[in-house]
PDB file of all heavy atoms in Angstrom:
ATOM      1  N   LYS A   1      -3.353 243.548 181.690  1.00  0.00           N
ATOM      2  CA  LYS A   1      -2.074 242.847 181.890  1.00  0.00           C
ATOM      3  C   LYS A   1      -1.262 243.522 182.974  1.00  0.00           C
ATOM      4  O   LYS A   1      -1.140 244.747 183.009  1.00  0.00           O
ATOM      5  CB  LYS A   1      -1.279 242.829 180.586  1.00  0.00           C
ATOM      6  CG  LYS A   1      -1.680 241.759 179.610  1.00  0.00           C
ATOM      7  CD  LYS A   1      -0.821 241.806 178.361  1.00  0.00           C
ATOM      8  CE  LYS A   1      -1.277 240.779 177.343  1.00  0.00           C
ATOM      9  NZ  LYS A   1      -0.509 240.867 176.076  1.00  0.00           N
ATOM     10  N   GLY A   2      -0.729 242.714 183.864  1.00  0.00           N
ATOM     11  CA  GLY A   2       0.100 243.220 184.943  1.00  0.00           C
ATOM     12  C   GLY A   2      -0.695 243.683 186.153  1.00  0.00           C
ATOM     13  O   GLY A   2      -0.115 243.969 187.202  1.00  0.00           O
ATOM     14  N   ARG A   3      -2.014 243.750 186.013  1.00  0.00           N
ATOM     15  CA  ARG A   3      -2.858 244.193 187.133  1.00  0.00           C
ATOM     16  C   ARG A   3      -3.810 243.096 187.598  1.00  0.00           C
ATOM     17  O   ARG A   3      -4.104 242.992 188.794  1.00  0.00           O
ATOM     18  CB  ARG A   3      -3.681 245.420 186.730  1.00  0.00           C
ATOM     19  CG  ARG A   3      -2.847 246.606 186.298  1.00  0.00           C
ATOM     20  CD  ARG A   3      -3.712 247.847 186.083  1.00  0.00           C
ATOM     21  NE  ARG A   3      -4.698 247.670 185.010  1.00  0.00           N
ATOM     22  CZ  ARG A   3      -6.011 247.750 185.188  1.00  0.00           C
ATOM     23  NH1 ARG A   3      -6.517 247.986 186.394  1.00  0.00           N
ATOM     24  NH2 ARG A   3      -6.839 247.581 184.152  1.00  0.00           N
ATOM     25  N   PHE A   4      -4.301 242.302 186.686  1.00  0.00           N
ATOM     26  CA  PHE A   4      -5.256 241.238 187.006  1.00  0.00           C
ATOM     27  C   PHE A   4      -4.575 239.878 186.888  1.00  0.00           C
ATOM     28  O   PHE A   4      -3.710 239.688 186.029  1.00  0.00           O
ATOM     29  CB  PHE A   4      -6.449 241.264 186.057  1.00  0.00           C
ATOM     30  CG  PHE A   4      -7.375 242.441 186.209  1.00  0.00           C
ATOM     31  CD1 PHE A   4      -7.054 243.529 187.006  1.00  0.00           C
ATOM     32  CD2 PHE A   4      -8.580 242.468 185.531  1.00  0.00           C
ATOM     33  CE1 PHE A   4      -7.899 244.606 187.135  1.00  0.00           C
ATOM     34  CE2 PHE A   4      -9.445 243.535 185.642  1.00  0.00           C
ATOM     35  CZ  PHE A   4      -9.097 244.608 186.448  1.00  0.00           C
ATOM     36  N   THR A   5      -5.006 238.953 187.712  1.00  0.00           N
ATOM     37  CA  THR A   5      -4.501 237.587 187.655  1.00  0.00           C
ATOM     38  C   THR A   5      -5.663 236.610 187.718  1.00  0.00           C
ATOM     39  O   THR A   5      -6.482 236.676 188.639  1.00  0.00           O
ATOM     40  CB  THR A   5      -3.529 237.305 188.811  1.00  0.00           C
ATOM     41  OG1 THR A   5      -2.447 238.238 188.769  1.00  0.00           O
ATOM     42  CG2 THR A   5      -2.977 235.883 188.699  1.00  0.00           C
ATOM     43  N   ILE A   6      -5.721 235.718 186.752  1.00  0.00           N
ATOM     44  CA  ILE A   6      -6.741 234.676 186.758  1.00  0.00           C
ATOM     45  C   ILE A   6      -6.110 233.376 187.257  1.00  0.00           C
ATOM     46  O   ILE A   6      -4.955 233.077 186.939  1.00  0.00           O
ATOM     47  CB  ILE A   6      -7.357 234.481 185.354  1.00  0.00           C
ATOM     48  CG1 ILE A   6      -8.563 233.547 185.408  1.00  0.00           C
ATOM     49  CG2 ILE A   6      -6.324 234.009 184.337  1.00  0.00           C
ATOM     50  CD1 ILE A   6      -9.365 233.502 184.096  1.00  0.00           C
ATOM     51  N   SER A   7      -6.863 232.639 188.042  1.00  0.00           N
ATOM     52  CA  SER A   7      -6.372 231.359 188.550  1.00  0.00           C
ATOM     53  C   SER A   7      -7.565 230.421 188.720  1.00  0.00           C
ATOM     54  O   SER A   7      -8.709 230.858 188.695  1.00  0.00           O
ATOM     55  CB  SER A   7      -5.625 231.538 189.874  1.00  0.00           C
ATOM     56  OG  SER A   7      -6.484 232.081 190.857  1.00  0.00           O
ATOM     57  N   ARG A   8      -7.261 229.172 188.886  1.00  0.00           N
ATOM     58  CA  ARG A   8      -8.336 228.188 189.055  1.00  0.00           C
ATOM     59  C   ARG A   8      -7.941 227.165 190.097  1.00  0.00           C
ATOM     60  O   ARG A   8      -6.760 226.879 190.292  1.00  0.00           O
ATOM     61  CB  ARG A   8      -8.668 227.512 187.731  1.00  0.00           C
ATOM     62  CG  ARG A   8      -7.573 226.642 187.160  1.00  0.00           C
ATOM     63  CD  ARG A   8      -7.896 226.208 185.708  1.00  0.00           C
ATOM     64  NE  ARG A   8      -9.072 225.363 185.638  1.00  0.00           N
ATOM     65  CZ  ARG A   8      -9.771 225.166 184.515  1.00  0.00           C
ATOM     66  NH1 ARG A   8      -9.407 225.778 183.387  1.00  0.00           N
ATOM     67  NH2 ARG A   8     -10.819 224.379 184.524  1.00  0.00           N
ATOM     68  N   ASP A   9      -8.944 226.598 190.734  1.00  0.00           N
ATOM     69  CA  ASP A   9      -8.759 225.515 191.686  1.00  0.00           C
ATOM     70  C   ASP A   9      -9.683 224.386 191.229  1.00  0.00           C
ATOM     71  O   ASP A   9     -10.897 224.440 191.464  1.00  0.00           O
ATOM     72  CB  ASP A   9      -9.119 225.982 193.098  1.00  0.00           C
ATOM     73  CG  ASP A   9      -8.829 224.933 194.163  1.00  0.00           C
ATOM     74  OD1 ASP A   9      -8.916 223.723 193.854  1.00  0.00           O
ATOM     75  OD2 ASP A   9      -8.538 225.320 195.298  1.00  0.00           O
ATOM     76  N   ASN A  10      -9.120 223.406 190.565  1.00  0.00           N
ATOM     77  CA  ASN A  10      -9.952 222.350 189.999  1.00  0.00           C
ATOM     78  C   ASN A  10     -10.626 221.508 191.083  1.00  0.00           C
ATOM     79  O   ASN A  10     -11.736 221.010 190.877  1.00  0.00           O
ATOM     80  CB  ASN A  10      -9.126 221.450 189.088  1.00  0.00           C
ATOM     81  CG  ASN A  10      -8.752 222.140 187.784  1.00  0.00           C
ATOM     82  OD1 ASN A  10      -9.387 223.105 187.369  1.00  0.00           O
ATOM     83  ND2 ASN A  10      -7.706 221.646 187.139  1.00  0.00           N
ATOM     84  N   ALA A  11      -9.981 221.348 192.211  1.00  0.00           N
ATOM     85  CA  ALA A  11     -10.578 220.565 193.301  1.00  0.00           C
ATOM     86  C   ALA A  11     -11.831 221.250 193.842  1.00  0.00           C
ATOM     87  O   ALA A  11     -12.809 220.583 194.194  1.00  0.00           O
ATOM     88  CB  ALA A  11      -9.564 220.349 194.411  1.00  0.00           C
ATOM     89  N   LYS A  12     -11.794 222.571 193.885  1.00  0.00           N
ATOM     90  CA  LYS A  12     -12.956 223.327 194.379  1.00  0.00           C
ATOM     91  C   LYS A  12     -13.915 223.699 193.252  1.00  0.00           C
ATOM     92  O   LYS A  12     -14.991 224.223 193.515  1.00  0.00           O
ATOM     93  CB  LYS A  12     -12.497 224.594 195.092  1.00  0.00           C
ATOM     94  CG  LYS A  12     -11.746 224.346 196.385  1.00  0.00           C
ATOM     95  CD  LYS A  12     -11.401 225.672 197.064  1.00  0.00           C
ATOM     96  CE  LYS A  12     -10.703 225.435 198.392  1.00  0.00           C
ATOM     97  NZ  LYS A  12     -10.359 226.733 199.063  1.00  0.00           N
ATOM     98  N   MET A  13     -13.488 223.460 192.015  1.00  0.00           N
ATOM     99  CA  MET A  13     -14.291 223.851 190.848  1.00  0.00           C
ATOM    100  C   MET A  13     -14.567 225.349 190.866  1.00  0.00           C
ATOM    101  O   MET A  13     -15.706 225.801 190.684  1.00  0.00           O
ATOM    102  CB  MET A  13     -15.600 223.051 190.780  1.00  0.00           C
ATOM    103  CG  MET A  13     -15.359 221.563 190.574  1.00  0.00           C
ATOM    104  SD  MET A  13     -16.860 220.573 190.496  1.00  0.00           S
ATOM    105  CE  MET A  13     -17.688 221.232 189.063  1.00  0.00           C
ATOM    106  N   GLU A  14     -13.517 226.107 191.083  1.00  0.00           N
ATOM    107  CA  GLU A  14     -13.637 227.548 191.136  1.00  0.00           C
ATOM    108  C   GLU A  14     -12.553 228.219 190.293  1.00  0.00           C
ATOM    109  O   GLU A  14     -11.456 227.691 190.139  1.00  0.00           O
ATOM    110  CB  GLU A  14     -13.553 228.051 192.576  1.00  0.00           C
ATOM    111  CG  GLU A  14     -14.717 227.625 193.447  1.00  0.00           C
ATOM    112  CD  GLU A  14     -14.663 228.215 194.836  1.00  0.00           C
ATOM    113  OE1 GLU A  14     -13.617 228.779 195.199  1.00  0.00           O
ATOM    114  OE2 GLU A  14     -15.669 228.111 195.559  1.00  0.00           O
ATOM    115  N   VAL A  15     -12.898 229.377 189.789  1.00  0.00           N
ATOM    116  CA  VAL A  15     -11.935 230.224 189.099  1.00  0.00           C
ATOM    117  C   VAL A  15     -11.999 231.602 189.736  1.00  0.00           C
ATOM    118  O   VAL A  15     -13.066 232.024 190.211  1.00  0.00           O
ATOM    119  CB  VAL A  15     -12.210 230.266 187.579  1.00  0.00           C
ATOM    120  CG1 VAL A  15     -13.551 230.898 187.279  1.00  0.00           C
ATOM    121  CG2 VAL A  15     -11.098 230.989 186.841  1.00  0.00           C
ATOM    122  N   TYR A  16     -10.865 232.287 189.758  1.00  0.00           N
ATOM    123  CA  TYR A  16     -10.759 233.560 190.448  1.00  0.00           C
ATOM    124  C   TYR A  16     -10.181 234.619 189.516  1.00  0.00           C
ATOM    125  O   TYR A  16      -9.449 234.309 188.574  1.00  0.00           O
ATOM    126  CB  TYR A  16      -9.861 233.416 191.676  1.00  0.00           C
ATOM    127  CG  TYR A  16     -10.199 232.228 192.533  1.00  0.00           C
ATOM    128  CD1 TYR A  16      -9.447 231.060 192.454  1.00  0.00           C
ATOM    129  CD2 TYR A  16     -11.278 232.267 193.402  1.00  0.00           C
ATOM    130  CE1 TYR A  16      -9.760 229.956 193.225  1.00  0.00           C
ATOM    131  CE2 TYR A  16     -11.608 231.166 194.182  1.00  0.00           C
ATOM    132  CZ  TYR A  16     -10.843 230.011 194.089  1.00  0.00           C
ATOM    133  OH  TYR A  16     -11.164 228.910 194.852  1.00  0.00           O
ATOM    134  N   LEU A  17     -10.517 235.846 189.837  1.00  0.00           N
ATOM    135  CA  LEU A  17      -9.897 236.971 189.155  1.00  0.00           C
ATOM    136  C   LEU A  17      -9.444 237.951 190.230  1.00  0.00           C
ATOM    137  O   LEU A  17     -10.279 238.597 190.865  1.00  0.00           O
ATOM    138  CB  LEU A  17     -10.863 237.646 188.185  1.00  0.00           C
ATOM    139  CG  LEU A  17     -10.237 238.754 187.333  1.00  0.00           C
ATOM    140  CD1 LEU A  17      -9.236 238.155 186.326  1.00  0.00           C
ATOM    141  CD2 LEU A  17     -11.305 239.554 186.589  1.00  0.00           C
ATOM    142  N   GLN A  18      -8.142 238.011 190.434  1.00  0.00           N
ATOM    143  CA  GLN A  18      -7.573 238.969 191.371  1.00  0.00           C
ATOM    144  C   GLN A  18      -7.337 240.259 190.616  1.00  0.00           C
ATOM    145  O   GLN A  18      -6.580 240.284 189.641  1.00  0.00           O
ATOM    146  CB  GLN A  18      -6.271 238.439 191.960  1.00  0.00           C
ATOM    147  CG  GLN A  18      -5.586 239.399 192.914  1.00  0.00           C
ATOM    148  CD  GLN A  18      -6.385 239.650 194.174  1.00  0.00           C
ATOM    149  OE1 GLN A  18      -6.923 238.713 194.765  1.00  0.00           O
ATOM    150  NE2 GLN A  18      -6.470 240.900 194.586  1.00  0.00           N
ATOM    151  N   MET A  19      -7.973 241.314 191.068  1.00  0.00           N
ATOM    152  CA  MET A  19      -7.900 242.619 190.407  1.00  0.00           C
ATOM    153  C   MET A  19      -7.151 243.581 191.306  1.00  0.00           C
ATOM    154  O   MET A  19      -7.593 243.873 192.416  1.00  0.00           O
ATOM    155  CB  MET A  19      -9.313 243.137 190.131  1.00  0.00           C
ATOM    156  CG  MET A  19     -10.193 242.138 189.369  1.00  0.00           C
ATOM    157  SD  MET A  19     -11.943 242.571 189.377  1.00  0.00           S
ATOM    158  CE  MET A  19     -11.918 244.157 188.566  1.00  0.00           C
ATOM    159  N   ASN A  20      -6.011 244.050 190.861  1.00  0.00           N
ATOM    160  CA  ASN A  20      -5.205 245.011 191.607  1.00  0.00           C
ATOM    161  C   ASN A  20      -5.062 246.298 190.812  1.00  0.00           C
ATOM    162  O   ASN A  20      -5.285 246.321 189.601  1.00  0.00           O
ATOM    163  CB  ASN A  20      -3.827 244.427 191.902  1.00  0.00           C
ATOM    164  CG  ASN A  20      -3.875 243.197 192.770  1.00  0.00           C
ATOM    165  OD1 ASN A  20      -4.760 243.041 193.605  1.00  0.00           O
ATOM    166  ND2 ASN A  20      -2.910 242.305 192.583  1.00  0.00           N
ATOM    167  N   SER A  21      -4.701 247.357 191.507  1.00  0.00           N
ATOM    168  CA  SER A  21      -4.521 248.662 190.848  1.00  0.00           C
ATOM    169  C   SER A  21      -5.708 248.982 189.952  1.00  0.00           C
ATOM    170  O   SER A  21      -5.553 249.363 188.784  1.00  0.00           O
ATOM    171  CB  SER A  21      -3.225 248.665 190.031  1.00  0.00           C
ATOM    172  OG  SER A  21      -2.115 248.364 190.843  1.00  0.00           O
ATOM    173  N   ILE A  22      -6.872 248.848 190.524  1.00  0.00           N
ATOM    174  CA  ILE A  22      -8.106 249.003 189.754  1.00  0.00           C
ATOM    175  C   ILE A  22      -8.268 250.436 189.272  1.00  0.00           C
ATOM    176  O   ILE A  22      -8.010 251.390 190.023  1.00  0.00           O
ATOM    177  CB  ILE A  22      -9.319 248.553 190.584  1.00  0.00           C
ATOM    178  CG1 ILE A  22      -9.255 247.030 190.789  1.00  0.00           C
ATOM    179  CG2 ILE A  22     -10.627 248.943 189.915  1.00  0.00           C
ATOM    180  CD1 ILE A  22     -10.315 246.484 191.710  1.00  0.00           C
ATOM    181  N   LYS A  23      -8.712 250.562 188.038  1.00  0.00           N
ATOM    182  CA  LYS A  23      -8.940 251.868 187.432  1.00  0.00           C
ATOM    183  C   LYS A  23     -10.444 252.098 187.239  1.00  0.00           C
ATOM    184  O   LYS A  23     -11.232 251.162 187.238  1.00  0.00           O
ATOM    185  CB  LYS A  23      -8.249 251.937 186.067  1.00  0.00           C
ATOM    186  CG  LYS A  23      -6.762 251.662 186.100  1.00  0.00           C
ATOM    187  CD  LYS A  23      -6.174 251.683 184.697  1.00  0.00           C
ATOM    188  CE  LYS A  23      -4.676 251.402 184.718  1.00  0.00           C
ATOM    189  NZ  LYS A  23      -4.098 251.427 183.351  1.00  0.00           N
ATOM    190  N   ARG A  24     -10.807 253.349 187.053  1.00  0.00           N
ATOM    191  CA  ARG A  24     -12.224 253.664 186.858  1.00  0.00           C
ATOM    192  C   ARG A  24     -12.792 252.899 185.675  1.00  0.00           C
ATOM    193  O   ARG A  24     -13.947 252.458 185.702  1.00  0.00           O
ATOM    194  CB  ARG A  24     -12.416 255.168 186.667  1.00  0.00           C
ATOM    195  CG  ARG A  24     -12.121 255.974 187.919  1.00  0.00           C
ATOM    196  CD  ARG A  24     -12.512 257.431 187.752  1.00  0.00           C
ATOM    197  NE  ARG A  24     -12.129 258.203 188.927  1.00  0.00           N
ATOM    198  CZ  ARG A  24     -12.842 258.290 190.036  1.00  0.00           C
ATOM    199  NH1 ARG A  24     -14.000 257.643 190.112  1.00  0.00           N
ATOM    200  NH2 ARG A  24     -12.427 259.013 191.050  1.00  0.00           N
ATOM    201  N   GLU A  25     -12.000 252.739 184.653  1.00  0.00           N
ATOM    202  CA  GLU A  25     -12.487 252.064 183.457  1.00  0.00           C
ATOM    203  C   GLU A  25     -12.656 250.561 183.643  1.00  0.00           C
ATOM    204  O   GLU A  25     -13.136 249.880 182.734  1.00  0.00           O
ATOM    205  CB  GLU A  25     -11.562 252.339 182.268  1.00  0.00           C
ATOM    206  CG  GLU A  25     -10.108 252.041 182.515  1.00  0.00           C
ATOM    207  CD  GLU A  25      -9.317 253.283 182.916  1.00  0.00           C
ATOM    208  OE1 GLU A  25      -9.853 254.107 183.686  1.00  0.00           O
ATOM    209  OE2 GLU A  25      -8.162 253.411 182.468  1.00  0.00           O
ATOM    210  N   ASP A  26     -12.270 250.050 184.795  1.00  0.00           N
ATOM    211  CA  ASP A  26     -12.512 248.631 185.086  1.00  0.00           C
ATOM    212  C   ASP A  26     -13.928 248.392 185.597  1.00  0.00           C
ATOM    213  O   ASP A  26     -14.358 247.250 185.742  1.00  0.00           O
ATOM    214  CB  ASP A  26     -11.518 248.123 186.132  1.00  0.00           C
ATOM    215  CG  ASP A  26     -10.089 248.099 185.630  1.00  0.00           C
ATOM    216  OD1 ASP A  26      -9.879 247.778 184.438  1.00  0.00           O
ATOM    217  OD2 ASP A  26      -9.173 248.398 186.431  1.00  0.00           O
ATOM    218  N   GLY A  27     -14.646 249.453 185.888  1.00  0.00           N
ATOM    219  CA  GLY A  27     -16.008 249.316 186.369  1.00  0.00           C
ATOM    220  C   GLY A  27     -16.898 248.682 185.303  1.00  0.00           C
ATOM    221  O   GLY A  27     -16.955 249.164 184.177  1.00  0.00           O
ATOM    222  N   ALA A  28     -17.572 247.609 185.658  1.00  0.00           N
ATOM    223  CA  ALA A  28     -18.401 246.866 184.698  1.00  0.00           C
ATOM    224  C   ALA A  28     -19.083 245.718 185.431  1.00  0.00           C
ATOM    225  O   ALA A  28     -18.795 245.452 186.605  1.00  0.00           O
ATOM    226  CB  ALA A  28     -17.539 246.309 183.567  1.00  0.00           C
ATOM    227  N   VAL A  29     -19.953 245.023 184.715  1.00  0.00           N
ATOM    228  CA  VAL A  29     -20.457 243.743 185.197  1.00  0.00           C
ATOM    229  C   VAL A  29     -19.494 242.679 184.690  1.00  0.00           C
ATOM    230  O   VAL A  29     -19.198 242.630 183.491  1.00  0.00           O
ATOM    231  CB  VAL A  29     -21.885 243.464 184.702  1.00  0.00           C
ATOM    232  CG1 VAL A  29     -22.350 242.091 185.187  1.00  0.00           C
ATOM    233  CG2 VAL A  29     -22.836 244.559 185.181  1.00  0.00           C
ATOM    234  N   TYR A  30     -19.005 241.869 185.591  1.00  0.00           N
ATOM    235  CA  TYR A  30     -18.043 240.834 185.245  1.00  0.00           C
ATOM    236  C   TYR A  30     -18.759 239.480 185.191  1.00  0.00           C
ATOM    237  O   TYR A  30     -19.487 239.119 186.116  1.00  0.00           O
ATOM    238  CB  TYR A  30     -16.911 240.796 186.268  1.00  0.00           C
ATOM    239  CG  TYR A  30     -15.919 241.909 186.049  1.00  0.00           C
ATOM    240  CD1 TYR A  30     -16.251 243.218 186.354  1.00  0.00           C
ATOM    241  CD2 TYR A  30     -14.653 241.656 185.529  1.00  0.00           C
ATOM    242  CE1 TYR A  30     -15.359 244.257 186.129  1.00  0.00           C
ATOM    243  CE2 TYR A  30     -13.747 242.686 185.308  1.00  0.00           C
ATOM    244  CZ  TYR A  30     -14.113 243.981 185.603  1.00  0.00           C
ATOM    245  OH  TYR A  30     -13.217 245.004 185.382  1.00  0.00           O
ATOM    246  N   TYR A  31     -18.533 238.794 184.092  1.00  0.00           N
ATOM    247  CA  TYR A  31     -19.186 237.518 183.845  1.00  0.00           C
ATOM    248  C   TYR A  31     -18.156 236.392 183.778  1.00  0.00           C
ATOM    249  O   TYR A  31     -17.081 236.547 183.194  1.00  0.00           O
ATOM    250  CB  TYR A  31     -19.944 237.536 182.523  1.00  0.00           C
ATOM    251  CG  TYR A  31     -21.074 238.518 182.468  1.00  0.00           C
ATOM    252  CD1 TYR A  31     -20.873 239.808 181.997  1.00  0.00           C
ATOM    253  CD2 TYR A  31     -22.353 238.158 182.877  1.00  0.00           C
ATOM    254  CE1 TYR A  31     -21.913 240.718 181.934  1.00  0.00           C
ATOM    255  CE2 TYR A  31     -23.403 239.063 182.819  1.00  0.00           C
ATOM    256  CZ  TYR A  31     -23.171 240.336 182.349  1.00  0.00           C
ATOM    257  OH  TYR A  31     -24.207 241.223 182.291  1.00  0.00           O
ATOM    258  N   CYS A  32     -18.536 235.279 184.318  1.00  0.00           N
ATOM    259  CA  CYS A  32     -17.731 234.060 184.223  1.00  0.00           C
ATOM    260  C   CYS A  32     -18.305 233.194 183.098  1.00  0.00           C
ATOM    261  O   CYS A  32     -19.522 233.080 182.945  1.00  0.00           O
ATOM    262  CB  CYS A  32     -17.808 233.316 185.545  1.00  0.00           C
ATOM    263  SG  CYS A  32     -16.929 231.739 185.596  1.00  0.00           S
ATOM    264  N   ASN A  33     -17.404 232.595 182.334  1.00  0.00           N
ATOM    265  CA  ASN A  33     -17.826 231.680 181.276  1.00  0.00           C
ATOM    266  C   ASN A  33     -17.028 230.394 181.346  1.00  0.00           C
ATOM    267  O   ASN A  33     -15.808 230.420 181.518  1.00  0.00           O
ATOM    268  CB  ASN A  33     -17.627 232.325 179.912  1.00  0.00           C
ATOM    269  CG  ASN A  33     -17.937 231.381 178.768  1.00  0.00           C
ATOM    270  OD1 ASN A  33     -17.046 230.821 178.137  1.00  0.00           O
ATOM    271  ND2 ASN A  33     -19.215 231.193 178.489  1.00  0.00           N
TER     272      ASN A  33
END
């Protein structure tokens, strides 16, 4: 919270995850569902 932002563009059929102030513990495989 306060660091990541999720958004979507229905026309493009895309979803985004803007990740700011990334921390070491954010390291992972990220999956879209």
